[in-house]
Amino acid sequence: MKKEVGLWIDHRKAVIVTVTDEGEETKLIESGMEKHVRFEGGSDVEGSAEDMRDRQFANHLGRYYDRVIECIGDAGSILILGPGEAKGELEKRLQGTELAGRVVGVETVDKMTDRQIAARVRERFQE
């Protein structure tokens, strides 16, 4: 069975649309990241508090991207959509894996509703 996946992603959420011969499914994964990130902690011997927050932010995003990758792991084709840096960061994280060759496109798009995302994914894979 052919399984095509399109996802809209930013640092706060990923909307994953899976299209198969049997139909379509939409799943939401939230990163738990707020717009303005605040991590607790003081200064660190190894670096400043800002360096520590940057590391915590990167670690948090890494876990978020791992959850997204887990959901798209069995896709035959992958379309990545999004407004900012997250789509490129996810694509970079896929490099060196078998999923890298399945990415059929990375497109910059603004905020979209779940229905708009699903329509864009259907449109892309019907080409």
N, C-alpha and C. Protein backbone atom coordinates (compact mmCIF):
# COMPACT_ATOMS: atom_id res chain seq x y z
N MET A 1 0.84 -1.17 0.00
CA MET A 1 0.00 0.00 0.00
C MET A 1 0.88 1.24 0.00
N LYS A 2 0.54 2.18 -0.87
CA LYS A 2 1.28 3.42 -0.99
C LYS A 2 0.89 4.36 0.16
N LYS A 3 1.90 4.94 0.81
CA LYS A 3 1.65 5.85 1.93
C LYS A 3 2.44 7.13 1.71
N GLU A 4 1.71 8.23 1.53
CA GLU A 4 2.34 9.52 1.31
C GLU A 4 2.01 10.43 2.48
N VAL A 5 3.01 11.19 2.91
CA VAL A 5 2.84 12.04 4.09
C VAL A 5 3.24 13.47 3.76
N GLY A 6 2.41 14.38 4.19
CA GLY A 6 2.73 15.79 4.12
C GLY A 6 2.61 16.36 5.50
N LEU A 7 3.49 17.28 5.86
CA LEU A 7 3.38 17.86 7.19
C LEU A 7 3.71 19.33 7.16
N TRP A 8 2.96 20.06 7.97
CA TRP A 8 3.21 21.48 8.20
C TRP A 8 3.83 21.56 9.58
N ILE A 9 4.99 22.22 9.68
CA ILE A 9 5.70 22.22 10.96
C ILE A 9 6.28 23.59 11.27
N ASP A 10 6.18 23.95 12.55
CA ASP A 10 6.94 25.08 13.09
C ASP A 10 7.48 24.62 14.45
N HIS A 11 8.03 25.51 15.23
CA HIS A 11 8.63 25.09 16.49
C HIS A 11 7.61 24.72 17.56
N ARG A 12 6.33 25.02 17.32
CA ARG A 12 5.32 24.73 18.33
C ARG A 12 4.45 23.53 18.03
N LYS A 13 4.23 23.24 16.74
CA LYS A 13 3.38 22.10 16.41
C LYS A 13 3.68 21.57 15.01
N ALA A 14 3.29 20.32 14.82
CA ALA A 14 3.38 19.69 13.50
C ALA A 14 2.01 19.08 13.21
N VAL A 15 1.50 19.36 12.03
CA VAL A 15 0.26 18.75 11.56
C VAL A 15 0.67 17.78 10.46
N ILE A 16 0.44 16.50 10.71
CA ILE A 16 0.88 15.44 9.80
C ILE A 16 -0.34 14.86 9.10
N VAL A 17 -0.33 14.90 7.77
CA VAL A 17 -1.42 14.35 6.98
C VAL A 17 -0.90 13.13 6.24
N THR A 18 -1.50 11.98 6.50
CA THR A 18 -1.10 10.73 5.87
C THR A 18 -2.18 10.34 4.87
N VAL A 19 -1.76 10.12 3.62
CA VAL A 19 -2.68 9.74 2.56
C VAL A 19 -2.33 8.33 2.09
N THR A 20 -3.31 7.43 2.14
CA THR A 20 -3.13 6.07 1.65
C THR A 20 -4.27 5.75 0.70
N ASP A 21 -4.23 4.56 0.13
CA ASP A 21 -5.31 4.12 -0.76
C ASP A 21 -6.63 4.02 0.00
N GLU A 22 -6.55 3.85 1.31
CA GLU A 22 -7.74 3.68 2.13
C GLU A 22 -8.32 5.00 2.63
N GLY A 23 -7.61 6.09 2.46
CA GLY A 23 -8.11 7.38 2.90
C GLY A 23 -7.03 8.27 3.45
N GLU A 24 -7.44 9.15 4.36
CA GLU A 24 -6.56 10.20 4.85
C GLU A 24 -6.71 10.32 6.36
N GLU A 25 -5.59 10.60 7.02
CA GLU A 25 -5.59 10.76 8.48
C GLU A 25 -4.74 11.97 8.83
N THR A 26 -5.21 12.76 9.78
CA THR A 26 -4.48 13.94 10.23
C THR A 26 -4.12 13.75 11.70
N LYS A 27 -2.88 14.07 12.04
CA LYS A 27 -2.40 13.93 13.41
C LYS A 27 -1.68 15.22 13.81
N LEU A 28 -1.87 15.62 15.05
CA LEU A 28 -1.22 16.81 15.59
C LEU A 28 -0.19 16.41 16.63
N ILE A 29 1.01 16.96 16.51
CA ILE A 29 2.05 16.76 17.53
C ILE A 29 2.46 18.15 18.00
N GLU A 30 2.34 18.38 19.30
CA GLU A 30 2.73 19.66 19.87
C GLU A 30 4.09 19.53 20.53
N SER A 31 4.90 20.57 20.38
CA SER A 31 6.25 20.52 20.95
C SER A 31 6.26 20.86 22.43
N GLY A 32 5.23 21.55 22.89
CA GLY A 32 5.23 22.01 24.28
C GLY A 32 6.05 23.28 24.46
N MET A 33 6.51 23.83 23.37
CA MET A 33 7.34 25.04 23.38
C MET A 33 6.43 26.26 23.31
N GLU A 34 6.67 27.21 24.18
CA GLU A 34 5.92 28.46 24.15
C GLU A 34 6.58 29.41 23.16
N LYS A 35 5.88 30.48 22.84
CA LYS A 35 6.43 31.45 21.90
C LYS A 35 7.73 32.06 22.43
N HIS A 36 7.72 32.42 23.70
CA HIS A 36 8.93 32.95 24.34
C HIS A 36 9.41 31.90 25.33
N VAL A 37 10.47 31.23 25.01
CA VAL A 37 10.95 30.11 25.81
C VAL A 37 11.56 30.60 27.10
N ARG A 38 11.17 29.95 28.20
CA ARG A 38 11.74 30.27 29.51
C ARG A 38 12.14 28.98 30.18
N PHE A 39 13.41 28.78 30.34
CA PHE A 39 13.92 27.63 31.07
C PHE A 39 14.48 28.12 32.39
N GLU A 40 14.26 27.35 33.42
CA GLU A 40 14.79 27.74 34.72
C GLU A 40 16.24 27.33 34.82
N GLY A 41 16.99 28.07 35.60
CA GLY A 41 18.39 27.73 35.81
C GLY A 41 19.21 28.99 35.94
N GLY A 42 20.29 28.86 36.65
CA GLY A 42 21.17 30.00 36.85
C GLY A 42 22.36 29.93 35.92
N SER A 43 23.40 30.60 36.32
CA SER A 43 24.61 30.58 35.50
C SER A 43 25.28 29.23 35.63
N ASP A 44 26.08 28.92 34.69
CA ASP A 44 26.70 27.60 34.59
C ASP A 44 28.21 27.78 34.49
N VAL A 45 28.95 26.90 35.09
CA VAL A 45 30.41 26.98 35.03
C VAL A 45 30.88 26.85 33.58
N GLU A 46 30.19 26.00 32.80
CA GLU A 46 30.59 25.76 31.42
C GLU A 46 30.24 26.91 30.49
N GLY A 47 29.29 27.75 30.86
CA GLY A 47 28.90 28.85 29.98
C GLY A 47 27.86 29.71 30.66
N SER A 48 27.38 30.67 29.93
CA SER A 48 26.40 31.59 30.50
C SER A 48 25.03 30.95 30.58
N ALA A 49 24.13 31.60 31.26
CA ALA A 49 22.75 31.12 31.37
C ALA A 49 22.11 31.08 29.99
N GLU A 50 22.49 32.02 29.14
CA GLU A 50 21.95 32.04 27.78
C GLU A 50 22.40 30.81 27.00
N ASP A 51 23.66 30.41 27.14
CA ASP A 51 24.15 29.19 26.48
C ASP A 51 23.38 27.98 26.97
N MET A 52 23.11 27.95 28.25
CA MET A 52 22.38 26.82 28.83
C MET A 52 20.96 26.77 28.28
N ARG A 53 20.31 27.92 28.19
CA ARG A 53 18.96 27.97 27.61
C ARG A 53 18.97 27.53 26.15
N ASP A 54 19.97 27.94 25.41
CA ASP A 54 20.08 27.52 24.01
C ASP A 54 20.21 26.01 23.90
N ARG A 55 21.01 25.40 24.77
CA ARG A 55 21.17 23.94 24.75
C ARG A 55 19.85 23.25 25.11
N GLN A 56 19.17 23.78 26.12
CA GLN A 56 17.89 23.20 26.53
C GLN A 56 16.87 23.31 25.39
N PHE A 57 16.85 24.45 24.73
CA PHE A 57 15.95 24.66 23.60
C PHE A 57 16.25 23.65 22.49
N ALA A 58 17.53 23.50 22.15
CA ALA A 58 17.93 22.55 21.10
C ALA A 58 17.58 21.12 21.49
N ASN A 59 17.80 20.75 22.74
CA ASN A 59 17.45 19.40 23.20
C ASN A 59 15.94 19.17 23.14
N HIS A 60 15.18 20.17 23.53
CA HIS A 60 13.72 20.06 23.49
C HIS A 60 13.24 19.89 22.05
N LEU A 61 13.77 20.71 21.15
CA LEU A 61 13.40 20.59 19.73
C LEU A 61 13.82 19.23 19.18
N GLY A 62 14.97 18.73 19.59
CA GLY A 62 15.43 17.42 19.12
C GLY A 62 14.46 16.32 19.48
N ARG A 63 13.95 16.34 20.70
CA ARG A 63 12.96 15.35 21.12
C ARG A 63 11.66 15.50 20.33
N TYR A 64 11.27 16.74 20.07
CA TYR A 64 10.07 17.03 19.28
C TYR A 64 10.22 16.49 17.85
N TYR A 65 11.36 16.78 17.22
CA TYR A 65 11.59 16.28 15.87
C TYR A 65 11.63 14.75 15.85
N ASP A 66 12.17 14.13 16.87
CA ASP A 66 12.19 12.66 16.94
C ASP A 66 10.78 12.09 16.96
N ARG A 67 9.87 12.76 17.70
CA ARG A 67 8.47 12.30 17.72
C ARG A 67 7.83 12.44 16.35
N VAL A 68 8.13 13.53 15.65
CA VAL A 68 7.59 13.74 14.30
C VAL A 68 8.13 12.66 13.36
N ILE A 69 9.43 12.41 13.41
CA ILE A 69 10.06 11.41 12.54
C ILE A 69 9.48 10.02 12.80
N GLU A 70 9.20 9.73 14.05
CA GLU A 70 8.59 8.44 14.40
C GLU A 70 7.24 8.26 13.70
N CYS A 71 6.50 9.35 13.55
CA CYS A 71 5.18 9.29 12.91
C CYS A 71 5.25 9.17 11.39
N ILE A 72 6.34 9.62 10.79
CA ILE A 72 6.43 9.61 9.32
C ILE A 72 7.37 8.53 8.81
N GLY A 73 7.88 7.70 9.70
CA GLY A 73 8.93 6.74 9.38
C GLY A 73 8.61 5.74 8.29
N ASP A 74 7.33 5.40 8.11
CA ASP A 74 7.00 4.39 7.10
C ASP A 74 6.41 5.01 5.83
N ALA A 75 6.59 6.30 5.65
CA ALA A 75 6.08 6.98 4.46
C ALA A 75 6.92 6.67 3.23
N GLY A 76 6.25 6.54 2.11
CA GLY A 76 6.94 6.35 0.84
C GLY A 76 7.42 7.67 0.26
N SER A 77 6.64 8.74 0.50
CA SER A 77 6.96 10.08 0.03
C SER A 77 6.62 11.07 1.14
N ILE A 78 7.46 12.11 1.27
CA ILE A 78 7.26 13.09 2.34
C ILE A 78 7.35 14.50 1.77
N LEU A 79 6.33 15.31 2.06
CA LEU A 79 6.31 16.72 1.70
C LEU A 79 6.37 17.52 3.00
N ILE A 80 7.33 18.45 3.12
CA ILE A 80 7.49 19.25 4.33
C ILE A 80 7.10 20.69 4.03
N LEU A 81 6.16 21.21 4.79
CA LEU A 81 5.68 22.58 4.64
C LEU A 81 5.89 23.32 5.95
N GLY A 82 6.03 24.64 5.87
CA GLY A 82 6.12 25.42 7.10
C GLY A 82 6.57 26.84 6.85
N PRO A 83 6.37 27.71 7.84
CA PRO A 83 6.67 29.13 7.66
C PRO A 83 8.10 29.55 8.00
N GLY A 84 8.78 28.79 8.84
CA GLY A 84 10.06 29.27 9.35
C GLY A 84 11.17 28.25 9.27
N GLU A 85 12.01 28.24 10.29
CA GLU A 85 13.21 27.42 10.31
C GLU A 85 12.96 25.94 10.56
N ALA A 86 11.86 25.61 11.19
CA ALA A 86 11.61 24.22 11.62
C ALA A 86 11.62 23.25 10.45
N LYS A 87 11.07 23.65 9.31
CA LYS A 87 11.02 22.72 8.18
C LYS A 87 12.42 22.37 7.69
N GLY A 88 13.32 23.34 7.67
CA GLY A 88 14.70 23.09 7.27
C GLY A 88 15.46 22.29 8.31
N GLU A 89 15.17 22.56 9.58
CA GLU A 89 15.81 21.81 10.67
C GLU A 89 15.39 20.34 10.62
N LEU A 90 14.10 20.09 10.34
CA LEU A 90 13.63 18.72 10.22
C LEU A 90 14.27 18.03 9.02
N GLU A 91 14.33 18.73 7.90
CA GLU A 91 14.96 18.15 6.70
C GLU A 91 16.42 17.80 6.99
N LYS A 92 17.13 18.69 7.67
CA LYS A 92 18.53 18.44 8.02
C LYS A 92 18.66 17.23 8.93
N ARG A 93 17.72 17.09 9.87
CA ARG A 93 17.74 15.96 10.80
C ARG A 93 17.50 14.64 10.06
N LEU A 94 16.78 14.70 8.94
CA LEU A 94 16.51 13.50 8.14
C LEU A 94 17.72 13.07 7.30
N GLN A 95 18.63 14.01 7.04
CA GLN A 95 19.81 13.68 6.24
C GLN A 95 20.59 12.56 6.90
N GLY A 96 21.06 11.65 6.07
CA GLY A 96 21.81 10.52 6.59
C GLY A 96 20.92 9.36 7.02
N THR A 97 19.61 9.53 6.89
CA THR A 97 18.68 8.44 7.19
C THR A 97 18.04 7.99 5.89
N GLU A 98 17.37 6.86 5.93
CA GLU A 98 16.69 6.38 4.73
C GLU A 98 15.53 7.28 4.34
N LEU A 99 15.03 8.09 5.27
CA LEU A 99 13.92 9.00 4.97
C LEU A 99 14.36 10.17 4.09
N ALA A 100 15.63 10.52 4.09
CA ALA A 100 16.10 11.67 3.32
C ALA A 100 15.75 11.53 1.84
N GLY A 101 15.86 10.34 1.31
CA GLY A 101 15.56 10.11 -0.10
C GLY A 101 14.08 10.11 -0.42
N ARG A 102 13.26 10.12 0.60
CA ARG A 102 11.80 10.10 0.39
C ARG A 102 11.19 11.50 0.41
N VAL A 103 11.99 12.51 0.76
CA VAL A 103 11.49 13.88 0.79
C VAL A 103 11.34 14.37 -0.65
N VAL A 104 10.10 14.69 -1.02
CA VAL A 104 9.82 15.11 -2.39
C VAL A 104 9.73 16.62 -2.52
N GLY A 105 9.72 17.32 -1.40
CA GLY A 105 9.67 18.77 -1.46
C GLY A 105 9.67 19.40 -0.09
N VAL A 106 10.23 20.61 -0.04
CA VAL A 106 10.21 21.43 1.17
C VAL A 106 9.74 22.81 0.71
N GLU A 107 8.61 23.25 1.23
CA GLU A 107 8.01 24.50 0.75
C GLU A 107 7.73 25.45 1.90
N THR A 108 7.96 26.74 1.64
CA THR A 108 7.65 27.77 2.62
C THR A 108 6.21 28.21 2.43
N VAL A 109 5.42 28.02 3.46
CA VAL A 109 4.03 28.46 3.46
C VAL A 109 3.70 29.06 4.82
N ASP A 110 2.79 30.03 4.83
CA ASP A 110 2.37 30.63 6.09
C ASP A 110 1.44 29.70 6.85
N LYS A 111 0.86 30.22 7.89
CA LYS A 111 -0.08 29.42 8.69
C LYS A 111 -1.20 28.91 7.80
N MET A 112 -1.58 27.67 8.05
CA MET A 112 -2.64 27.02 7.29
C MET A 112 -3.54 26.27 8.27
N THR A 113 -4.81 26.15 7.91
CA THR A 113 -5.70 25.31 8.72
C THR A 113 -5.38 23.85 8.40
N ASP A 114 -5.86 22.96 9.24
CA ASP A 114 -5.65 21.53 8.99
C ASP A 114 -6.25 21.13 7.64
N ARG A 115 -7.40 21.68 7.31
CA ARG A 115 -8.04 21.37 6.02
C ARG A 115 -7.22 21.87 4.84
N GLN A 116 -6.62 23.05 4.98
CA GLN A 116 -5.77 23.60 3.91
C GLN A 116 -4.51 22.73 3.74
N ILE A 117 -3.96 22.28 4.87
CA ILE A 117 -2.78 21.41 4.80
C ILE A 117 -3.13 20.12 4.08
N ALA A 118 -4.23 19.50 4.47
CA ALA A 118 -4.66 18.25 3.85
C ALA A 118 -4.90 18.45 2.34
N ALA A 119 -5.54 19.56 1.98
CA ALA A 119 -5.80 19.83 0.56
C ALA A 119 -4.50 20.00 -0.21
N ARG A 120 -3.53 20.70 0.38
CA ARG A 120 -2.22 20.91 -0.27
C ARG A 120 -1.49 19.58 -0.46
N VAL A 121 -1.57 18.72 0.53
CA VAL A 121 -0.90 17.41 0.45
C VAL A 121 -1.57 16.56 -0.64
N ARG A 122 -2.89 16.52 -0.66
CA ARG A 122 -3.59 15.76 -1.71
C ARG A 122 -3.23 16.28 -3.09
N GLU A 123 -3.22 17.60 -3.23
CA GLU A 123 -2.89 18.24 -4.51
C GLU A 123 -1.48 17.86 -4.95
N ARG A 124 -0.53 17.88 -4.04
CA ARG A 124 0.88 17.56 -4.38
C ARG A 124 1.05 16.13 -4.83
N PHE A 125 0.37 15.22 -4.18
CA PHE A 125 0.57 13.81 -4.51
C PHE A 125 -0.32 13.32 -5.65
N GLN A 126 -1.24 14.16 -6.11
CA GLN A 126 -2.04 13.81 -7.27
C GLN A 126 -1.38 14.26 -8.56
N GLU A 127 -0.30 15.04 -8.46
CA GLU A 127 0.41 15.56 -9.64
C GLU A 127 1.01 14.43 -10.45
